[in-house]
């Protein structure tokens, strides 16, 4: 017997959570790895909208590792070689900053 809910069921549950309820979204990613992997796309689909009252400038560096080498050179970015856990630009659906 599985101890985890199927990802499809978690998707159904998470889709009913208010997209502006950042506390609930954040709490869900802390439950376990399966919940985190399932919830991250919901949390990062409109990160600038969620962070309006918070500090949006802290979100921008999360996208730097995904810039091309040329863009990093032009912007003079010195980013550590560690790769992010998630592909954050893939989840982005709204860009309103």
Protein backbone atom coordinates (compact mmCIF):
# COMPACT_ATOMS: atom_id res chain seq x y z
CA UNK A 1 0.00 0.00 0.00
CA UNK A 2 1.34 3.41 -0.98
CA UNK A 3 1.92 6.02 1.71
CA UNK A 4 1.59 8.89 -0.79
CA UNK A 5 -1.32 10.26 -2.75
CA UNK A 6 -0.93 9.95 -6.51
CA UNK A 7 0.47 13.05 -8.20
CA UNK A 8 -2.69 13.40 -10.29
CA UNK A 9 -4.79 13.64 -7.13
CA UNK A 10 -2.41 16.15 -5.60
CA UNK A 11 -2.71 18.24 -8.79
CA UNK A 12 -6.50 18.27 -8.40
CA UNK A 13 -6.22 19.29 -4.75
CA UNK A 14 -3.59 21.97 -5.38
CA UNK A 15 -5.53 23.48 -8.27
CA UNK A 16 -8.30 24.38 -5.83
CA UNK A 17 -5.96 26.39 -3.58
CA UNK A 18 -6.19 30.16 -4.02
CA UNK A 19 -3.18 31.21 -6.10
CA UNK A 20 -2.72 34.30 -3.92
CA UNK A 21 -2.50 32.35 -0.67
CA UNK A 22 1.28 32.27 -0.46
CA UNK A 23 1.31 30.89 3.09
CA UNK A 24 -0.65 27.79 2.08
CA UNK A 25 1.40 27.33 -1.09
CA UNK A 26 4.63 27.60 0.88
CA UNK A 27 3.38 25.23 3.59
CA UNK A 28 2.54 22.60 0.96
CA UNK A 29 6.10 22.52 -0.39
CA UNK A 30 7.37 21.77 3.11
CA UNK A 31 5.31 18.58 3.60
CA UNK A 32 7.53 16.18 1.67
CA UNK A 33 9.40 15.82 -1.62
CA UNK A 34 6.35 14.64 -3.61
CA UNK A 35 4.25 17.59 -2.45
CA UNK A 36 7.14 19.96 -3.14
CA UNK A 37 7.67 18.67 -6.69
CA UNK A 38 3.94 18.89 -7.36
CA UNK A 39 3.41 22.32 -5.78
CA UNK A 40 6.42 24.24 -7.14
CA UNK A 41 4.78 24.85 -10.55
CA UNK A 42 1.78 26.44 -8.81
CA UNK A 43 4.00 28.61 -6.64
CA UNK A 44 6.25 29.77 -9.49
CA UNK A 45 3.65 30.35 -12.22
CA UNK A 46 3.21 34.01 -11.18
CA UNK A 47 5.98 34.73 -8.68
CA UNK A 48 6.08 38.49 -9.25
CA UNK A 49 2.37 38.77 -8.59
CA UNK A 50 2.76 36.87 -5.32
CA UNK A 51 5.75 38.96 -4.29
CA UNK A 52 4.26 42.42 -4.93
CA UNK A 53 3.89 43.09 -1.24
CA UNK A 54 7.18 41.38 -0.54
CA UNK A 55 10.54 41.94 -2.15
CA UNK A 56 10.33 41.14 -5.85
CA UNK A 57 14.00 42.01 -6.37
CA UNK A 58 14.89 38.82 -4.48
CA UNK A 59 13.11 36.72 -7.12
CA UNK A 60 15.08 37.94 -10.12
CA UNK A 61 18.38 36.21 -9.19
CA UNK A 62 16.56 32.86 -9.24
CA UNK A 63 16.42 33.26 -13.03
CA UNK A 64 20.10 34.23 -13.55
CA UNK A 65 21.45 30.65 -13.83
CA UNK A 66 19.17 30.15 -16.85
CA UNK A 67 20.60 33.09 -18.83
CA UNK A 68 22.86 32.29 -21.75
CA UNK A 69 26.62 32.66 -21.28
CA UNK A 70 26.54 35.70 -23.54
CA UNK A 71 23.82 37.39 -21.47
CA UNK A 72 25.72 36.65 -18.25
CA UNK A 73 28.84 38.16 -19.79
CA UNK A 74 27.02 41.29 -20.99
CA UNK A 75 25.37 41.75 -17.59
CA UNK A 76 28.65 40.92 -15.85
CA UNK A 77 26.98 38.27 -13.71
CA UNK A 78 29.18 35.97 -11.69
CA UNK A 79 26.98 33.05 -10.77
CA UNK A 80 28.22 29.96 -8.92
CA UNK A 81 28.27 26.81 -11.03
CA UNK A 82 25.69 25.04 -8.88
CA UNK A 83 22.53 24.34 -10.80
CA UNK A 84 19.07 25.09 -9.39
CA UNK A 85 16.85 22.24 -8.24
CA UNK A 86 13.90 23.37 -10.39
CA UNK A 87 13.62 24.91 -13.85
CA UNK A 88 11.86 28.06 -12.65
CA UNK A 89 11.47 29.75 -16.07
CA UNK A 90 9.56 26.70 -17.28
CA UNK A 91 6.82 27.35 -14.68
CA UNK A 92 6.46 31.09 -15.38
CA UNK A 93 3.00 31.87 -16.81
CA UNK A 94 2.55 35.53 -15.81
CA UNK A 95 5.17 38.26 -15.94
CA UNK A 96 3.78 41.31 -14.20
CA UNK A 97 6.38 43.28 -12.30
